[in-house]
Every structure is written in structure tokens, then in C-alpha cells.
């Protein structure tokens, strides 16, 4: 195996889905500035997610209304007749 192939900052990190407050602890090397206190009493780096497997329509089987007004307005502005 090659030496120094894997990152050295591999550590436990909490990922939190902001749409439904679901959190899970896993290992990652992502850099974050925020921390959160986990259920075990330890403090871990926090990564905020907009969507995860608990809120994604493919995994939940429910269609969720996502704000698309910004994208529609951009489309109309881009292709408006001048």
C-alpha cells in the first residue's frame, strides 16, 4: 500500500438535516467551524445539510414542495424578450 494516501484529519463528525432536525454521527475529513454536543456528551464538528435520506423524496416516497421561485425567476429573467 502507498504511504500517506489517506487524509490524516479523519474523525467523527455530526451531520444534521436542517429540514427535519435529523442528525447522525459518522467519520469524515470535512472541515467545519461549528460544533455540537452529541448524545454521548462529547462535542463533535457539525455539518449542516439541506436534505438527507430522511427528507429526500426518493427515500421517503413523499413528494415535498421545494421552493423553486428563485429558479423560475432566474429562468424568466434570462429568457425574457428584450
N, C-alpha and C. Protein backbone atom coordinates (compact mmCIF):
# COMPACT_ATOMS: atom_id res chain seq x y z
N UNK A 1 0.84 -1.19 0.00
CA UNK A 1 0.00 0.00 0.00
C UNK A 1 0.87 1.24 0.00
N UNK A 2 0.37 2.30 -0.63
CA UNK A 2 1.10 3.56 -0.65
C UNK A 2 1.01 4.25 0.70
N UNK A 3 2.08 4.89 1.10
CA UNK A 3 2.09 5.63 2.35
C UNK A 3 1.50 7.01 2.14
N UNK A 4 0.90 7.56 3.20
CA UNK A 4 0.33 8.91 3.20
C UNK A 4 -0.73 9.11 2.12
N UNK A 5 -1.47 8.07 1.83
CA UNK A 5 -2.51 8.15 0.81
C UNK A 5 -3.81 8.72 1.37
N UNK A 6 -4.14 8.36 2.59
CA UNK A 6 -5.39 8.79 3.20
C UNK A 6 -5.19 10.06 4.02
N UNK A 7 -6.24 10.88 4.14
CA UNK A 7 -6.11 12.11 4.93
C UNK A 7 -5.89 11.80 6.41
N UNK A 8 -5.19 12.70 7.08
CA UNK A 8 -4.89 12.49 8.50
C UNK A 8 -5.98 13.08 9.39
N UNK A 9 -6.85 13.90 8.84
CA UNK A 9 -7.89 14.56 9.65
C UNK A 9 -9.20 13.77 9.68
N UNK A 10 -9.13 12.47 9.51
CA UNK A 10 -10.32 11.61 9.52
C UNK A 10 -10.79 11.44 10.96
N UNK A 11 -12.01 11.94 11.28
CA UNK A 11 -12.51 11.96 12.65
C UNK A 11 -14.03 11.87 12.67
N UNK A 12 -14.64 11.62 13.83
CA UNK A 12 -16.11 11.61 13.92
C UNK A 12 -16.69 13.01 13.69
N UNK A 13 -17.76 13.08 12.91
CA UNK A 13 -18.43 14.34 12.57
C UNK A 13 -19.93 14.10 12.63
N UNK A 14 -20.69 15.11 13.11
CA UNK A 14 -22.15 15.04 13.14
C UNK A 14 -22.70 15.75 11.91
N UNK A 15 -23.55 15.07 11.17
CA UNK A 15 -24.27 15.66 10.04
C UNK A 15 -25.71 15.88 10.48
N UNK A 16 -26.24 17.09 10.26
CA UNK A 16 -27.60 17.42 10.72
C UNK A 16 -28.43 17.92 9.54
N UNK A 17 -29.56 17.25 9.31
CA UNK A 17 -30.52 17.66 8.28
C UNK A 17 -31.35 18.80 8.86
N UNK A 18 -31.25 19.98 8.27
CA UNK A 18 -31.91 21.16 8.81
C UNK A 18 -33.41 21.17 8.52
N UNK A 19 -33.88 20.37 7.56
CA UNK A 19 -35.30 20.38 7.24
C UNK A 19 -36.14 19.59 8.25
N UNK A 20 -35.53 18.61 8.94
CA UNK A 20 -36.30 17.83 9.91
C UNK A 20 -35.52 17.53 11.20
N UNK A 21 -34.40 18.19 11.41
CA UNK A 21 -33.58 18.06 12.63
C UNK A 21 -33.09 16.65 12.89
N UNK A 22 -32.92 15.84 11.86
CA UNK A 22 -32.34 14.51 12.00
C UNK A 22 -30.82 14.63 11.99
N UNK A 23 -30.14 14.00 12.92
CA UNK A 23 -28.68 14.05 13.00
C UNK A 23 -28.11 12.64 13.04
N UNK A 24 -26.92 12.48 12.48
CA UNK A 24 -26.22 11.21 12.58
C UNK A 24 -24.73 11.46 12.69
N UNK A 25 -24.07 10.56 13.38
CA UNK A 25 -22.64 10.65 13.65
C UNK A 25 -21.92 9.64 12.77
N UNK A 26 -20.92 10.12 12.03
CA UNK A 26 -20.13 9.25 11.17
C UNK A 26 -18.73 9.83 11.08
N UNK A 27 -17.84 9.13 10.42
CA UNK A 27 -16.48 9.63 10.27
C UNK A 27 -16.35 10.36 8.94
N UNK A 28 -15.58 11.46 8.97
CA UNK A 28 -15.36 12.26 7.78
C UNK A 28 -14.11 13.10 7.97
N UNK A 29 -13.60 13.66 6.90
CA UNK A 29 -12.47 14.57 6.98
C UNK A 29 -12.87 15.97 6.54
N UNK A 30 -14.17 16.26 6.48
CA UNK A 30 -14.67 17.57 6.09
C UNK A 30 -14.30 18.61 7.16
N UNK A 31 -13.95 19.82 6.71
CA UNK A 31 -13.57 20.89 7.62
C UNK A 31 -14.82 21.70 7.99
N UNK A 32 -15.02 21.96 9.28
CA UNK A 32 -16.16 22.75 9.75
C UNK A 32 -15.70 23.71 10.83
N UNK A 33 -16.48 24.76 11.03
CA UNK A 33 -16.20 25.73 12.09
C UNK A 33 -17.14 25.56 13.27
N UNK A 34 -18.28 24.92 13.04
CA UNK A 34 -19.28 24.75 14.09
C UNK A 34 -19.10 23.40 14.79
N UNK A 35 -19.55 23.36 16.05
CA UNK A 35 -19.54 22.12 16.81
C UNK A 35 -20.90 21.92 17.46
N UNK A 36 -21.16 20.69 17.89
CA UNK A 36 -22.41 20.36 18.55
C UNK A 36 -22.13 19.30 19.61
N UNK A 37 -22.90 19.34 20.66
CA UNK A 37 -22.77 18.32 21.71
C UNK A 37 -23.67 17.14 21.33
N UNK A 38 -23.07 15.96 21.24
CA UNK A 38 -23.78 14.75 20.82
C UNK A 38 -24.40 14.07 22.04
N UNK A 39 -25.20 13.04 21.81
CA UNK A 39 -25.91 12.31 22.85
C UNK A 39 -24.99 11.69 23.91
N UNK A 40 -23.76 11.40 23.54
CA UNK A 40 -22.82 10.79 24.48
C UNK A 40 -22.10 11.82 25.36
N UNK A 41 -22.42 13.11 25.17
CA UNK A 41 -21.83 14.17 25.97
C UNK A 41 -20.58 14.77 25.37
N UNK A 42 -20.05 14.19 24.32
CA UNK A 42 -18.86 14.73 23.66
C UNK A 42 -19.24 15.78 22.64
N UNK A 43 -18.31 16.66 22.32
CA UNK A 43 -18.53 17.70 21.32
C UNK A 43 -17.85 17.29 20.03
N UNK A 44 -18.59 17.39 18.91
CA UNK A 44 -18.10 16.99 17.61
C UNK A 44 -18.30 18.12 16.61
N UNK A 45 -17.52 18.14 15.52
CA UNK A 45 -17.75 19.11 14.45
C UNK A 45 -19.13 18.87 13.83
N UNK A 46 -19.79 19.96 13.38
CA UNK A 46 -21.14 19.88 12.83
C UNK A 46 -21.14 20.30 11.37
N UNK A 47 -21.82 19.51 10.54
CA UNK A 47 -22.05 19.84 9.14
C UNK A 47 -23.55 19.91 8.94
N UNK A 48 -24.06 21.05 8.46
CA UNK A 48 -25.49 21.22 8.24
C UNK A 48 -25.83 20.84 6.80
N UNK A 49 -26.86 20.00 6.67
CA UNK A 49 -27.34 19.54 5.37
C UNK A 49 -28.71 20.11 5.08
N UNK A 50 -29.01 20.37 3.82
CA UNK A 50 -30.34 20.81 3.43
C UNK A 50 -31.28 19.62 3.24
N UNK A 51 -30.71 18.49 2.85
CA UNK A 51 -31.53 17.32 2.58
C UNK A 51 -30.70 16.07 2.87
N UNK A 52 -31.35 15.05 3.41
CA UNK A 52 -30.67 13.78 3.69
C UNK A 52 -31.62 12.64 3.32
N UNK A 53 -31.24 11.44 3.66
CA UNK A 53 -32.09 10.29 3.32
C UNK A 53 -33.42 10.31 4.07
N UNK A 54 -33.53 11.07 5.17
CA UNK A 54 -34.80 11.13 5.91
C UNK A 54 -35.76 12.17 5.34
N UNK A 55 -35.28 13.04 4.45
CA UNK A 55 -36.16 14.06 3.90
C UNK A 55 -36.20 14.05 2.37
N UNK A 56 -35.40 13.22 1.72
CA UNK A 56 -35.37 13.17 0.26
C UNK A 56 -36.58 12.39 -0.25
N UNK A 57 -37.29 12.93 -1.25
CA UNK A 57 -38.49 12.26 -1.76
C UNK A 57 -38.25 10.85 -2.28
N UNK A 58 -37.10 10.58 -2.83
CA UNK A 58 -36.82 9.23 -3.33
C UNK A 58 -36.86 8.20 -2.21
N UNK A 59 -36.31 8.53 -1.05
CA UNK A 59 -36.24 7.59 0.06
C UNK A 59 -37.51 7.59 0.91
N UNK A 60 -38.20 8.72 0.99
CA UNK A 60 -39.40 8.79 1.83
C UNK A 60 -40.65 8.36 1.09
N UNK A 61 -40.64 8.45 -0.24
CA UNK A 61 -41.82 8.11 -1.02
C UNK A 61 -42.84 9.23 -1.07
N UNK A 62 -42.51 10.38 -0.50
CA UNK A 62 -43.41 11.53 -0.49
C UNK A 62 -42.79 12.64 -1.30
N UNK A 63 -43.62 13.31 -2.04
CA UNK A 63 -43.15 14.48 -2.76
C UNK A 63 -43.21 15.67 -1.82
N UNK A 64 -42.12 16.38 -1.71
CA UNK A 64 -42.04 17.51 -0.81
C UNK A 64 -41.91 18.78 -1.64
N UNK A 65 -42.66 19.79 -1.28
CA UNK A 65 -42.61 21.05 -2.00
C UNK A 65 -41.31 21.77 -1.65
N UNK A 66 -40.50 22.00 -2.68
CA UNK A 66 -39.25 22.72 -2.50
C UNK A 66 -39.39 24.06 -3.18
N UNK A 67 -38.92 25.10 -2.53
CA UNK A 67 -39.03 26.45 -3.04
C UNK A 67 -38.26 26.58 -4.35
N UNK A 68 -39.00 26.76 -5.46
CA UNK A 68 -38.36 26.89 -6.77
C UNK A 68 -38.58 28.27 -7.35
N UNK A 69 -39.13 29.18 -6.58
CA UNK A 69 -39.42 30.52 -7.10
C UNK A 69 -38.17 31.19 -7.60
N UNK A 70 -37.07 31.02 -6.90
CA UNK A 70 -35.82 31.64 -7.32
C UNK A 70 -35.36 31.14 -8.67
N UNK A 71 -35.48 29.85 -8.92
CA UNK A 71 -35.04 29.28 -10.20
C UNK A 71 -35.97 29.70 -11.33
N UNK A 72 -37.27 29.79 -11.05
CA UNK A 72 -38.22 30.20 -12.08
C UNK A 72 -37.99 31.65 -12.46
N UNK A 73 -37.78 32.50 -11.47
CA UNK A 73 -37.50 33.92 -11.75
C UNK A 73 -36.21 34.08 -12.55
N UNK A 74 -35.20 33.32 -12.23
CA UNK A 74 -33.94 33.39 -12.99
C UNK A 74 -34.18 33.00 -14.45
N UNK A 75 -34.98 31.93 -14.65
CA UNK A 75 -35.27 31.47 -16.00
C UNK A 75 -36.02 32.55 -16.77
N UNK A 76 -37.03 33.13 -16.17
CA UNK A 76 -37.81 34.17 -16.85
C UNK A 76 -36.97 35.39 -17.17
N UNK A 77 -36.10 35.78 -16.23
CA UNK A 77 -35.23 36.94 -16.48
C UNK A 77 -34.22 36.66 -17.59
N UNK A 78 -33.72 35.45 -17.63
CA UNK A 78 -32.71 35.11 -18.62
C UNK A 78 -33.30 35.06 -20.02
N UNK A 79 -34.51 34.52 -20.17
CA UNK A 79 -35.11 34.33 -21.47
C UNK A 79 -36.26 35.30 -21.78
N UNK A 80 -36.31 36.40 -21.04
CA UNK A 80 -37.35 37.40 -21.31
C UNK A 80 -37.06 38.09 -22.63
N UNK A 81 -38.13 38.42 -23.35
CA UNK A 81 -37.95 39.12 -24.62
C UNK A 81 -37.52 40.56 -24.35
N UNK A 82 -36.54 40.98 -25.09
CA UNK A 82 -35.98 42.32 -24.87
C UNK A 82 -36.47 43.30 -25.89
